[in-house]
PDB file of N, CA and C in Angstrom:
ATOM      1  N   UNK A   1      -6.081  23.540  -4.841  1.00  0.00           N
ATOM      2  CA  UNK A   1      -5.818  22.402  -5.692  1.00  0.00           C
ATOM      3  C   UNK A   1      -5.248  21.279  -4.859  1.00  0.00           C
ATOM      4  N   UNK A   2      -5.749  20.062  -5.059  1.00  0.00           N
ATOM      5  CA  UNK A   2      -5.207  18.968  -4.261  1.00  0.00           C
ATOM      6  C   UNK A   2      -3.906  18.439  -4.945  1.00  0.00           C
ATOM      7  N   UNK A   3      -2.935  18.341  -4.029  1.00  0.00           N
ATOM      8  CA  UNK A   3      -1.747  17.709  -4.488  1.00  0.00           C
ATOM      9  C   UNK A   3      -1.387  16.470  -3.529  1.00  0.00           C
ATOM     10  N   UNK A   4      -0.855  15.476  -4.224  1.00  0.00           N
ATOM     11  CA  UNK A   4      -0.510  14.260  -3.666  1.00  0.00           C
ATOM     12  C   UNK A   4       0.994  14.070  -3.868  1.00  0.00           C
ATOM     13  N   UNK A   5       1.714  13.740  -2.749  1.00  0.00           N
ATOM     14  CA  UNK A   5       3.153  13.606  -2.781  1.00  0.00           C
ATOM     15  C   UNK A   5       3.498  12.263  -2.186  1.00  0.00           C
ATOM     16  N   UNK A   6       4.077  11.430  -3.006  1.00  0.00           N
ATOM     17  CA  UNK A   6       4.619  10.224  -2.545  1.00  0.00           C
ATOM     18  C   UNK A   6       5.940  10.320  -2.173  1.00  0.00           C
ATOM     19  N   UNK A   7       6.403   9.508  -1.264  1.00  0.00           N
ATOM     20  CA  UNK A   7       7.783   9.441  -0.659  1.00  0.00           C
ATOM     21  C   UNK A   7       8.106   8.086  -0.017  1.00  0.00           C
ATOM     22  N   UNK A   8       9.282   7.745   0.237  1.00  0.00           N
ATOM     23  CA  UNK A   8       9.795   6.458   0.867  1.00  0.00           C
ATOM     24  C   UNK A   8      10.360   5.403  -0.095  1.00  0.00           C
ATOM     25  N   UNK A   9      10.421   5.593  -1.194  1.00  0.00           N
ATOM     26  CA  UNK A   9      10.754   4.814  -2.206  1.00  0.00           C
ATOM     27  C   UNK A   9      12.509   4.569  -1.998  1.00  0.00           C
ATOM     28  N   UNK A  10      12.954   3.580  -2.644  1.00  0.00           N
ATOM     29  CA  UNK A  10      14.446   3.326  -2.554  1.00  0.00           C
ATOM     30  C   UNK A  10      14.887   2.036  -3.107  1.00  0.00           C
ATOM     31  N   UNK A  11      16.066   1.690  -2.938  1.00  0.00           N
ATOM     32  CA  UNK A  11      16.762   0.486  -3.411  1.00  0.00           C
ATOM     33  C   UNK A  11      16.949  -0.522  -2.335  1.00  0.00           C
ATOM     34  N   UNK A  12      16.233  -1.665  -2.394  1.00  0.00           N
ATOM     35  CA  UNK A  12      16.451  -2.664  -1.395  1.00  0.00           C
ATOM     36  C   UNK A  12      16.701  -3.976  -1.847  1.00  0.00           C
ATOM     37  N   UNK A  13      17.116  -4.930  -1.033  1.00  0.00           N
ATOM     38  CA  UNK A  13      17.312  -6.381  -1.614  1.00  0.00           C
ATOM     39  C   UNK A  13      16.059  -7.172  -1.353  1.00  0.00           C
ATOM     40  N   UNK A  14      16.072  -8.188  -2.189  1.00  0.00           N
ATOM     41  CA  UNK A  14      14.650  -8.967  -1.985  1.00  0.00           C
ATOM     42  C   UNK A  14      14.652  -9.557  -0.517  1.00  0.00           C
ATOM     43  N   UNK A  15      13.271  -9.462  -0.320  1.00  0.00           N
ATOM     44  CA  UNK A  15      13.183  -9.885   1.191  1.00  0.00           C
ATOM     45  C   UNK A  15      12.985  -8.718   2.122  1.00  0.00           C
ATOM     46  N   UNK A  16      13.456  -7.625   1.761  1.00  0.00           N
ATOM     47  CA  UNK A  16      13.483  -6.534   2.714  1.00  0.00           C
ATOM     48  C   UNK A  16      12.106  -5.656   2.564  1.00  0.00           C
ATOM     49  N   UNK A  17      12.062  -4.681   3.376  1.00  0.00           N
ATOM     50  CA  UNK A  17      10.722  -3.926   3.545  1.00  0.00           C
ATOM     51  C   UNK A  17      11.053  -2.367   3.161  1.00  0.00           C
ATOM     52  N   UNK A  18       9.917  -1.776   2.632  1.00  0.00           N
ATOM     53  CA  UNK A  18       9.778  -0.413   2.552  1.00  0.00           C
ATOM     54  C   UNK A  18       8.441   0.267   2.907  1.00  0.00           C
ATOM     55  N   UNK A  19       8.462   1.336   3.454  1.00  0.00           N
ATOM     56  CA  UNK A  19       7.092   1.954   3.645  1.00  0.00           C
ATOM     57  C   UNK A  19       6.950   3.286   2.746  1.00  0.00           C
ATOM     58  N   UNK A  20       5.947   3.170   1.966  1.00  0.00           N
ATOM     59  CA  UNK A  20       5.726   4.396   1.066  1.00  0.00           C
ATOM     60  C   UNK A  20       4.540   5.363   1.789  1.00  0.00           C
ATOM     61  N   UNK A  21       4.716   6.633   1.576  1.00  0.00           N
ATOM     62  CA  UNK A  21       3.714   7.329   2.060  1.00  0.00           C
ATOM     63  C   UNK A  21       3.100   8.373   0.895  1.00  0.00           C
ATOM     64  N   UNK A  22       1.786   8.576   1.040  1.00  0.00           N
ATOM     65  CA  UNK A  22       1.190   9.574   0.252  1.00  0.00           C
ATOM     66  C   UNK A  22       0.501  10.602   0.917  1.00  0.00           C
ATOM     67  N   UNK A  23       1.037  11.818   0.904  1.00  0.00           N
ATOM     68  CA  UNK A  23       0.578  12.835   1.634  1.00  0.00           C
ATOM     69  C   UNK A  23      -0.177  13.890   0.750  1.00  0.00           C
ATOM     70  N   UNK A  24      -1.353  14.320   1.341  1.00  0.00           N
ATOM     71  CA  UNK A  24      -2.276  15.279   0.525  1.00  0.00           C
ATOM     72  C   UNK A  24      -2.014  16.652   0.940  1.00  0.00           C
ATOM     73  N   UNK A  25      -2.186  17.522   0.159  1.00  0.00           N
ATOM     74  CA  UNK A  25      -2.105  18.960   0.381  1.00  0.00           C
ATOM     75  C   UNK A  25      -3.187  19.642   1.282  1.00  0.00           C
ATOM     76  N   UNK A  26      -4.313  18.918   1.219  1.00  0.00           N
ATOM     77  CA  UNK A  26      -5.389  19.335   2.103  1.00  0.00           C
ATOM     78  C   UNK A  26      -6.204  18.192   2.368  1.00  0.00           C
ATOM     79  N   UNK A  27      -7.038  18.618   3.385  1.00  0.00           N
ATOM     80  CA  UNK A  27      -7.782  17.365   3.980  1.00  0.00           C
ATOM     81  C   UNK A  27      -8.877  16.781   3.069  1.00  0.00           C
ATOM     82  N   UNK A  28      -8.439  15.768   2.250  1.00  0.00           N
ATOM     83  CA  UNK A  28      -9.488  15.198   1.488  1.00  0.00           C
ATOM     84  C   UNK A  28      -9.680  13.716   1.897  1.00  0.00           C
ATOM     85  N   UNK A  29      -8.877  13.331   2.755  1.00  0.00           N
ATOM     86  CA  UNK A  29      -8.832  11.881   3.092  1.00  0.00           C
ATOM     87  C   UNK A  29     -10.144  11.615   3.925  1.00  0.00           C
ATOM     88  N   UNK A  30     -10.596  12.288   4.518  1.00  0.00           N
ATOM     89  CA  UNK A  30     -11.782  12.034   5.384  1.00  0.00           C
ATOM     90  C   UNK A  30     -13.009  11.638   4.498  1.00  0.00           C
ATOM     91  N   UNK A  31     -12.892  12.018   3.204  1.00  0.00           N
ATOM     92  CA  UNK A  31     -14.211  11.767   2.286  1.00  0.00           C
ATOM     93  C   UNK A  31     -13.654  10.865   1.104  1.00  0.00           C
ATOM     94  N   UNK A  32     -12.531  10.680   0.910  1.00  0.00           N
ATOM     95  CA  UNK A  32     -12.195   9.918  -0.372  1.00  0.00           C
ATOM     96  C   UNK A  32     -11.264   8.632  -0.064  1.00  0.00           C
ATOM     97  N   UNK A  33     -11.537   7.810  -0.975  1.00  0.00           N
ATOM     98  CA  UNK A  33     -10.460   6.552  -0.889  1.00  0.00           C
ATOM     99  C   UNK A  33      -9.157   6.890  -1.526  1.00  0.00           C
ATOM    100  N   UNK A  34      -8.022   6.255  -1.360  1.00  0.00           N
ATOM    101  CA  UNK A  34      -6.887   6.399  -1.933  1.00  0.00           C
ATOM    102  C   UNK A  34      -6.385   5.037  -2.475  1.00  0.00           C
ATOM    103  N   UNK A  35      -5.838   4.969  -3.665  1.00  0.00           N
ATOM    104  CA  UNK A  35      -5.356   3.934  -4.258  1.00  0.00           C
ATOM    105  C   UNK A  35      -3.882   3.974  -4.590  1.00  0.00           C
ATOM    106  N   UNK A  36      -3.053   2.867  -4.359  1.00  0.00           N
ATOM    107  CA  UNK A  36      -1.686   2.838  -4.927  1.00  0.00           C
ATOM    108  C   UNK A  36      -1.658   2.012  -6.131  1.00  0.00           C
ATOM    109  N   UNK A  37      -0.856   2.452  -7.139  1.00  0.00           N
ATOM    110  CA  UNK A  37      -0.738   1.889  -8.417  1.00  0.00           C
ATOM    111  C   UNK A  37       0.855   1.832  -8.571  1.00  0.00           C
ATOM    112  N   UNK A  38       1.296   1.220  -9.541  1.00  0.00           N
ATOM    113  CA  UNK A  38       2.570   0.958  -9.918  1.00  0.00           C
ATOM    114  C   UNK A  38       2.737   0.757 -11.433  1.00  0.00           C
ATOM    115  N   UNK A  39       4.054   1.240 -11.907  1.00  0.00           N
ATOM    116  CA  UNK A  39       4.268   0.930 -13.263  1.00  0.00           C
ATOM    117  C   UNK A  39       5.733   0.530 -13.534  1.00  0.00           C
ATOM    118  N   UNK A  40       5.906  -0.750 -13.874  1.00  0.00           N
ATOM    119  CA  UNK A  40       7.166  -1.166 -14.156  1.00  0.00           C
ATOM    120  C   UNK A  40       7.709  -0.731 -15.529  1.00  0.00           C
ATOM    121  N   UNK A  41       8.882  -0.745 -15.889  1.00  0.00           N
ATOM    122  CA  UNK A  41       9.386  -0.443 -17.122  1.00  0.00           C
ATOM    123  C   UNK A  41       9.070  -1.356 -18.149  1.00  0.00           C
ATOM    124  N   UNK A  42       8.409  -0.766 -19.174  1.00  0.00           N
ATOM    125  CA  UNK A  42       7.819  -1.677 -20.314  1.00  0.00           C
ATOM    126  C   UNK A  42       6.397  -2.322 -20.081  1.00  0.00           C
ATOM    127  N   UNK A  43       5.882  -2.062 -18.950  1.00  0.00           N
ATOM    128  CA  UNK A  43       4.515  -2.639 -18.647  1.00  0.00           C
ATOM    129  C   UNK A  43       3.494  -1.605 -18.335  1.00  0.00           C
ATOM    130  N   UNK A  44       2.439  -2.045 -18.267  1.00  0.00           N
ATOM    131  CA  UNK A  44       1.147  -1.145 -18.169  1.00  0.00           C
ATOM    132  C   UNK A  44       1.088  -0.795 -16.602  1.00  0.00           C
ATOM    133  N   UNK A  45       0.312   0.378 -16.286  1.00  0.00           N
ATOM    134  CA  UNK A  45       0.099   0.515 -14.842  1.00  0.00           C
ATOM    135  C   UNK A  45      -0.775  -0.472 -14.232  1.00  0.00           C
ATOM    136  N   UNK A  46      -0.507  -0.884 -13.059  1.00  0.00           N
ATOM    137  CA  UNK A  46      -0.994  -1.871 -12.255  1.00  0.00           C
ATOM    138  C   UNK A  46      -1.632  -1.206 -11.090  1.00  0.00           C
ATOM    139  N   UNK A  47      -2.871  -1.633 -10.702  1.00  0.00           N
ATOM    140  CA  UNK A  47      -3.451  -1.203  -9.295  1.00  0.00           C
ATOM    141  C   UNK A  47      -2.830  -2.107  -8.361  1.00  0.00           C
ATOM    142  N   UNK A  48      -2.380  -1.620  -7.231  1.00  0.00           N
ATOM    143  CA  UNK A  48      -1.864  -2.360  -6.194  1.00  0.00           C
ATOM    144  C   UNK A  48      -2.643  -2.621  -4.951  1.00  0.00           C
ATOM    145  N   UNK A  49      -3.099  -1.653  -4.527  1.00  0.00           N
ATOM    146  CA  UNK A  49      -3.984  -1.634  -3.171  1.00  0.00           C
ATOM    147  C   UNK A  49      -4.887  -0.384  -3.053  1.00  0.00           C
ATOM    148  N   UNK A  50      -5.832  -0.476  -2.366  1.00  0.00           N
ATOM    149  CA  UNK A  50      -6.803   0.597  -2.267  1.00  0.00           C
ATOM    150  C   UNK A  50      -7.323   0.620  -0.705  1.00  0.00           C
ATOM    151  N   UNK A  51      -7.719   1.824  -0.182  1.00  0.00           N
ATOM    152  CA  UNK A  51      -8.403   1.957   1.118  1.00  0.00           C
ATOM    153  C   UNK A  51      -9.499   3.014   0.877  1.00  0.00           C
ATOM    154  N   UNK A  52     -10.660   2.695   1.342  1.00  0.00           N
ATOM    155  CA  UNK A  52     -11.792   3.537   1.333  1.00  0.00           C
ATOM    156  C   UNK A  52     -11.713   4.597   2.449  1.00  0.00           C
ATOM    157  N   UNK A  53     -12.636   5.542   2.468  1.00  0.00           N
ATOM    158  CA  UNK A  53     -12.730   6.548   3.503  1.00  0.00           C
ATOM    159  C   UNK A  53     -12.995   5.893   4.798  1.00  0.00           C
ATOM    160  N   UNK A  54     -13.724   4.752   4.787  1.00  0.00           N
ATOM    161  CA  UNK A  54     -14.073   4.076   6.015  1.00  0.00           C
ATOM    162  C   UNK A  54     -12.973   3.127   6.456  1.00  0.00           C
ATOM    163  N   UNK A  55     -12.001   3.014   5.688  1.00  0.00           N
ATOM    164  CA  UNK A  55     -10.954   2.201   6.114  1.00  0.00           C
ATOM    165  C   UNK A  55     -10.911   0.783   5.498  1.00  0.00           C
ATOM    166  N   UNK A  56     -11.847   0.439   4.564  1.00  0.00           N
ATOM    167  CA  UNK A  56     -11.698  -0.938   4.046  1.00  0.00           C
ATOM    168  C   UNK A  56     -10.699  -0.933   2.969  1.00  0.00           C
ATOM    169  N   UNK A  57      -9.980  -2.118   3.116  1.00  0.00           N
ATOM    170  CA  UNK A  57      -8.662  -2.256   2.412  1.00  0.00           C
ATOM    171  C   UNK A  57      -8.965  -3.351   1.035  1.00  0.00           C
ATOM    172  N   UNK A  58      -8.286  -3.240   0.141  1.00  0.00           N
ATOM    173  CA  UNK A  58      -8.321  -4.253  -0.897  1.00  0.00           C
ATOM    174  C   UNK A  58      -6.977  -4.263  -1.534  1.00  0.00           C
ATOM    175  N   UNK A  59      -6.506  -5.336  -2.014  1.00  0.00           N
ATOM    176  CA  UNK A  59      -5.184  -5.751  -2.654  1.00  0.00           C
ATOM    177  C   UNK A  59      -5.156  -6.472  -3.805  1.00  0.00           C
ATOM    178  N   UNK A  60      -4.276  -6.192  -4.636  1.00  0.00           N
ATOM    179  CA  UNK A  60      -4.051  -7.120  -5.845  1.00  0.00           C
ATOM    180  C   UNK A  60      -3.564  -8.302  -5.325  1.00  0.00           C
ATOM    181  N   UNK A  61      -3.918  -9.452  -6.099  1.00  0.00           N
ATOM    182  CA  UNK A  61      -3.392 -10.661  -5.795  1.00  0.00           C
ATOM    183  C   UNK A  61      -1.872 -10.897  -5.635  1.00  0.00           C
ATOM    184  N   UNK A  62      -1.067 -10.000  -6.491  1.00  0.00           N
ATOM    185  CA  UNK A  62       0.387 -10.218  -6.406  1.00  0.00           C
ATOM    186  C   UNK A  62       0.904  -9.634  -5.244  1.00  0.00           C
ATOM    187  N   UNK A  63       0.238  -8.923  -4.369  1.00  0.00           N
ATOM    188  CA  UNK A  63       0.887  -8.210  -3.264  1.00  0.00           C
ATOM    189  C   UNK A  63       0.097  -8.696  -1.943  1.00  0.00           C
ATOM    190  N   UNK A  64      -1.027  -9.473  -1.999  1.00  0.00           N
ATOM    191  CA  UNK A  64      -1.881  -9.725  -0.854  1.00  0.00           C
ATOM    192  C   UNK A  64      -0.868 -10.543   0.031  1.00  0.00           C
ATOM    193  N   UNK A  65      -0.981 -10.152   1.281  1.00  0.00           N
ATOM    194  CA  UNK A  65      -0.165 -10.921   2.318  1.00  0.00           C
ATOM    195  C   UNK A  65       1.172 -10.285   2.569  1.00  0.00           C
ATOM    196  N   UNK A  66       1.577  -9.544   1.572  1.00  0.00           N
ATOM    197  CA  UNK A  66       2.809  -8.960   1.681  1.00  0.00           C
ATOM    198  C   UNK A  66       2.816  -7.469   1.942  1.00  0.00           C
ATOM    199  N   UNK A  67       1.816  -6.764   1.321  1.00  0.00           N
ATOM    200  CA  UNK A  67       1.646  -5.353   1.494  1.00  0.00           C
ATOM    201  C   UNK A  67       0.487  -4.962   2.314  1.00  0.00           C
ATOM    202  N   UNK A  68       0.518  -3.821   3.110  1.00  0.00           N
ATOM    203  CA  UNK A  68      -0.439  -3.443   3.845  1.00  0.00           C
ATOM    204  C   UNK A  68      -0.614  -1.944   3.759  1.00  0.00           C
ATOM    205  N   UNK A  69      -1.907  -1.550   3.287  1.00  0.00           N
ATOM    206  CA  UNK A  69      -2.382  -0.098   3.019  1.00  0.00           C
ATOM    207  C   UNK A  69      -2.993   0.353   4.438  1.00  0.00           C
ATOM    208  N   UNK A  70      -2.797   1.557   4.873  1.00  0.00           N
ATOM    209  CA  UNK A  70      -3.360   2.196   5.972  1.00  0.00           C
ATOM    210  C   UNK A  70      -3.528   3.648   5.728  1.00  0.00           C
ATOM    211  N   UNK A  71      -4.148   4.307   6.489  1.00  0.00           N
ATOM    212  CA  UNK A  71      -4.391   5.782   6.395  1.00  0.00           C
ATOM    213  C   UNK A  71      -4.442   6.329   7.881  1.00  0.00           C
ATOM    214  N   UNK A  72      -3.895   7.661   7.797  1.00  0.00           N
ATOM    215  CA  UNK A  72      -3.847   8.561   9.022  1.00  0.00           C
ATOM    216  C   UNK A  72      -4.591   9.743   8.695  1.00  0.00           C
ATOM    217  N   UNK A  73      -5.975   9.913   8.857  1.00  0.00           N
ATOM    218  CA  UNK A  73      -6.566  11.028   8.257  1.00  0.00           C
ATOM    219  C   UNK A  73      -6.180  12.377   9.039  1.00  0.00           C
ATOM    220  N   UNK A  74      -5.673  12.323  10.314  1.00  0.00           N
ATOM    221  CA  UNK A  74      -5.212  13.616  10.955  1.00  0.00           C
ATOM    222  C   UNK A  74      -3.873  14.022  10.338  1.00  0.00           C
ATOM    223  N   UNK A  75      -3.149  13.121   9.765  1.00  0.00           N
ATOM    224  CA  UNK A  75      -2.021  13.496   9.017  1.00  0.00           C
ATOM    225  C   UNK A  75      -2.057  13.792   7.491  1.00  0.00           C
ATOM    226  N   UNK A  76      -3.370  13.346   7.105  1.00  0.00           N
ATOM    227  CA  UNK A  76      -3.777  13.452   5.526  1.00  0.00           C
ATOM    228  C   UNK A  76      -2.664  12.445   4.788  1.00  0.00           C
ATOM    229  N   UNK A  77      -2.481  11.282   5.232  1.00  0.00           N
ATOM    230  CA  UNK A  77      -1.418  10.487   4.552  1.00  0.00           C
ATOM    231  C   UNK A  77      -1.960   9.140   4.603  1.00  0.00           C
ATOM    232  N   UNK A  78      -1.571   8.446   3.465  1.00  0.00           N
ATOM    233  CA  UNK A  78      -1.863   7.043   3.256  1.00  0.00           C
ATOM    234  C   UNK A  78      -0.391   6.274   3.194  1.00  0.00           C
ATOM    235  N   UNK A  79      -0.284   5.198   3.850  1.00  0.00           N
ATOM    236  CA  UNK A  79       0.850   4.347   3.902  1.00  0.00           C
ATOM    237  C   UNK A  79       0.691   3.105   3.055  1.00  0.00           C
ATOM    238  N   UNK A  80       1.856   2.646   2.590  1.00  0.00           N
ATOM    239  CA  UNK A  80       1.814   1.378   1.914  1.00  0.00           C
ATOM    240  C   UNK A  80       3.129   0.728   2.451  1.00  0.00           C
ATOM    241  N   UNK A  81       2.834  -0.294   3.369  1.00  0.00           N
ATOM    242  CA  UNK A  81       3.903  -1.115   4.014  1.00  0.00           C
ATOM    243  C   UNK A  81       4.103  -2.230   3.029  1.00  0.00           C
ATOM    244  N   UNK A  82       5.381  -2.266   2.647  1.00  0.00           N
ATOM    245  CA  UNK A  82       5.564  -3.256   1.643  1.00  0.00           C
ATOM    246  C   UNK A  82       6.711  -4.283   2.374  1.00  0.00           C
ATOM    247  N   UNK A  83       6.459  -5.616   2.631  1.00  0.00           N
ATOM    248  CA  UNK A  83       7.270  -6.441   3.258  1.00  0.00           C
ATOM    249  C   UNK A  83       7.551  -7.686   2.285  1.00  0.00           C
ATOM    250  N   UNK A  84       8.477  -8.346   2.639  1.00  0.00           N
ATOM    251  CA  UNK A  84       8.984  -9.416   1.637  1.00  0.00           C
ATOM    252  C   UNK A  84       8.952  -9.124   0.126  1.00  0.00           C
ATOM    253  N   UNK A  85       9.808  -8.007  -0.136  1.00  0.00           N
ATOM    254  CA  UNK A  85       9.852  -7.432  -1.414  1.00  0.00           C
ATOM    255  C   UNK A  85      10.393  -8.199  -2.364  1.00  0.00           C
ATOM    256  N   UNK A  86      10.077  -8.244  -3.591  1.00  0.00           N
ATOM    257  CA  UNK A  86      10.696  -9.227  -4.740  1.00  0.00           C
ATOM    258  C   UNK A  86      11.062  -8.403  -5.915  1.00  0.00           C
ATOM    259  N   UNK A  87      12.079  -8.766  -6.662  1.00  0.00           N
ATOM    260  CA  UNK A  87      12.412  -8.068  -7.632  1.00  0.00           C
ATOM    261  C   UNK A  87      11.441  -7.650  -8.643  1.00  0.00           C
ATOM    262  N   UNK A  88      10.219  -8.494  -8.754  1.00  0.00           N
ATOM    263  CA  UNK A  88       9.173  -8.058  -9.743  1.00  0.00           C
ATOM    264  C   UNK A  88       8.345  -6.963  -8.985  1.00  0.00           C
ATOM    265  N   UNK A  89       8.343  -6.481  -7.825  1.00  0.00           N
ATOM    266  CA  UNK A  89       8.022  -5.337  -7.388  1.00  0.00           C
ATOM    267  C   UNK A  89       8.460  -4.173  -7.640  1.00  0.00           C
ATOM    268  N   UNK A  90       9.729  -4.188  -8.516  1.00  0.00           N
ATOM    269  CA  UNK A  90      10.374  -2.905  -8.980  1.00  0.00           C
ATOM    270  C   UNK A  90       9.539  -2.211  -9.889  1.00  0.00           C
ATOM    271  N   UNK A  91       9.249  -0.862  -9.578  1.00  0.00           N
ATOM    272  CA  UNK A  91       8.331  -0.039 -10.352  1.00  0.00           C
ATOM    273  C   UNK A  91       8.292   1.377  -9.884  1.00  0.00           C
ATOM    274  N   UNK A  92       7.716   2.208 -10.378  1.00  0.00           N
ATOM    275  CA  UNK A  92       7.465   3.556  -9.994  1.00  0.00           C
ATOM    276  C   UNK A  92       6.160   3.468  -9.332  1.00  0.00           C
ATOM    277  N   UNK A  93       5.959   3.797  -8.112  1.00  0.00           N
ATOM    278  CA  UNK A  93       4.801   3.799  -7.288  1.00  0.00           C
ATOM    279  C   UNK A  93       3.816   5.110  -7.211  1.00  0.00           C
ATOM    280  N   UNK A  94       2.613   5.123  -7.439  1.00  0.00           N
ATOM    281  CA  UNK A  94       1.898   6.222  -7.416  1.00  0.00           C
ATOM    282  C   UNK A  94       0.614   6.195  -6.628  1.00  0.00           C
ATOM    283  N   UNK A  95       0.234   7.384  -5.965  1.00  0.00           N
ATOM    284  CA  UNK A  95      -1.059   7.337  -5.281  1.00  0.00           C
ATOM    285  C   UNK A  95      -2.051   8.159  -6.055  1.00  0.00           C
ATOM    286  N   UNK A  96      -3.299   7.857  -5.892  1.00  0.00           N
ATOM    287  CA  UNK A  96      -4.398   8.577  -6.637  1.00  0.00           C
ATOM    288  C   UNK A  96      -5.525   8.658  -5.705  1.00  0.00           C
ATOM    289  N   UNK A  97      -6.445   9.778  -5.783  1.00  0.00           N
ATOM    290  CA  UNK A  97      -7.577   9.855  -4.979  1.00  0.00           C
ATOM    291  C   UNK A  97      -8.797   9.398  -5.679  1.00  0.00           C
ATOM    292  N   UNK A  98      -8.600   8.946  -7.045  1.00  0.00           N
ATOM    293  CA  UNK A  98      -9.754   8.521  -7.897  1.00  0.00           C
ATOM    294  C   UNK A  98     -10.589   9.588  -8.334  1.00  0.00           C
ATOM    295  N   UNK A  99     -10.174  10.883  -8.230  1.00  0.00           N
ATOM    296  CA  UNK A  99     -10.702  12.103  -8.801  1.00  0.00           C
ATOM    297  C   UNK A  99      -9.734  12.864  -9.901  1.00  0.00           C
ATOM    298  N   UNK A 100      -8.910  11.938 -10.317  1.00  0.00           N
ATOM    299  CA  UNK A 100      -8.015  12.478 -11.392  1.00  0.00           C
ATOM    300  C   UNK A 100      -6.688  13.132 -10.877  1.00  0.00           C
ATOM    301  N   UNK A 101      -6.412  13.046  -9.433  1.00  0.00           N
ATOM    302  CA  UNK A 101      -5.283  13.652  -8.954  1.00  0.00           C
ATOM    303  C   UNK A 101      -4.453  12.513  -8.591  1.00  0.00           C
ATOM    304  N   UNK A 102      -3.017  12.799  -9.122  1.00  0.00           N
ATOM    305  CA  UNK A 102      -2.041  11.739  -9.159  1.00  0.00           C
ATOM    306  C   UNK A 102      -0.684  12.303  -8.326  1.00  0.00           C
ATOM    307  N   UNK A 103      -0.031  11.669  -7.560  1.00  0.00           N
ATOM    308  CA  UNK A 103       1.280  12.180  -7.173  1.00  0.00           C
ATOM    309  C   UNK A 103       2.433  12.020  -8.390  1.00  0.00           C
ATOM    310  N   UNK A 104       3.587  12.419  -8.112  1.00  0.00           N
ATOM    311  CA  UNK A 104       4.620  12.340  -8.950  1.00  0.00           C
ATOM    312  C   UNK A 104       5.316  11.043  -8.978  1.00  0.00           C
ATOM    313  N   UNK A 105       5.038  10.347  -8.242  1.00  0.00           N
ATOM    314  CA  UNK A 105       5.497   9.018  -7.935  1.00  0.00           C
ATOM    315  C   UNK A 105       6.848   8.643  -7.091  1.00  0.00           C
ATOM    316  N   UNK A 106       7.134   7.392  -6.700  1.00  0.00           N
ATOM    317  CA  UNK A 106       8.247   7.292  -5.919  1.00  0.00           C
ATOM    318  C   UNK A 106       8.716   5.972  -6.399  1.00  0.00           C
ATOM    319  N   UNK A 107      10.235   5.823  -6.721  1.00  0.00           N
ATOM    320  CA  UNK A 107      10.677   4.617  -7.349  1.00  0.00           C
ATOM    321  C   UNK A 107      11.098   3.766  -6.319  1.00  0.00           C
ATOM    322  N   UNK A 108      10.822   2.313  -6.588  1.00  0.00           N
ATOM    323  CA  UNK A 108      10.948   1.271  -5.758  1.00  0.00           C
ATOM    324  C   UNK A 108      11.889   0.297  -6.625  1.00  0.00           C
ATOM    325  N   UNK A 109      13.196  -0.107  -6.116  1.00  0.00           N
ATOM    326  CA  UNK A 109      13.976  -1.013  -6.865  1.00  0.00           C
ATOM    327  C   UNK A 109      14.367  -2.048  -6.010  1.00  0.00           C
ATOM    328  N   UNK A 110      13.979  -3.396  -6.320  1.00  0.00           N
ATOM    329  CA  UNK A 110      14.457  -4.478  -5.412  1.00  0.00           C
ATOM    330  C   UNK A 110      15.368  -5.412  -6.176  1.00  0.00           C
ATOM    331  N   UNK A 111      16.512  -5.434  -5.560  1.00  0.00           N
ATOM    332  CA  UNK A 111      17.603  -6.360  -6.248  1.00  0.00           C
ATOM    333  C   UNK A 111      17.437  -7.721  -5.920  1.00  0.00           C
ATOM    334  N   UNK A 112      17.915  -8.550  -6.619  1.00  0.00           N
ATOM    335  CA  UNK A 112      17.798 -10.164  -6.164  1.00  0.00           C
ATOM    336  C   UNK A 112      19.205 -10.529  -5.550  1.00  0.00           C
TER     337      UNK A 112
END
């Protein structure tokens, strides 16, 4: 069974950076894309960024230019580098393989 495990969340001040990781329990990354989503309190889940098996990346307008998604197939890990964080980036962040597998989430809190 595929498991996705997020890590790297934390409490930072506005303007600071965090790098989230999404690690897979087995080697699926060579064949599947991975997406990051987030859910802020009282809001619907929001797609943040995605990376295809070939490395093509896409971003939500709200994070474009500040966040970077990348993957390391050898480590079965996808990263989300988040720079210039804003209080509105505060949310639980999740990764998904698009096949119904989700991680447990990692909390990001940005103070103003």
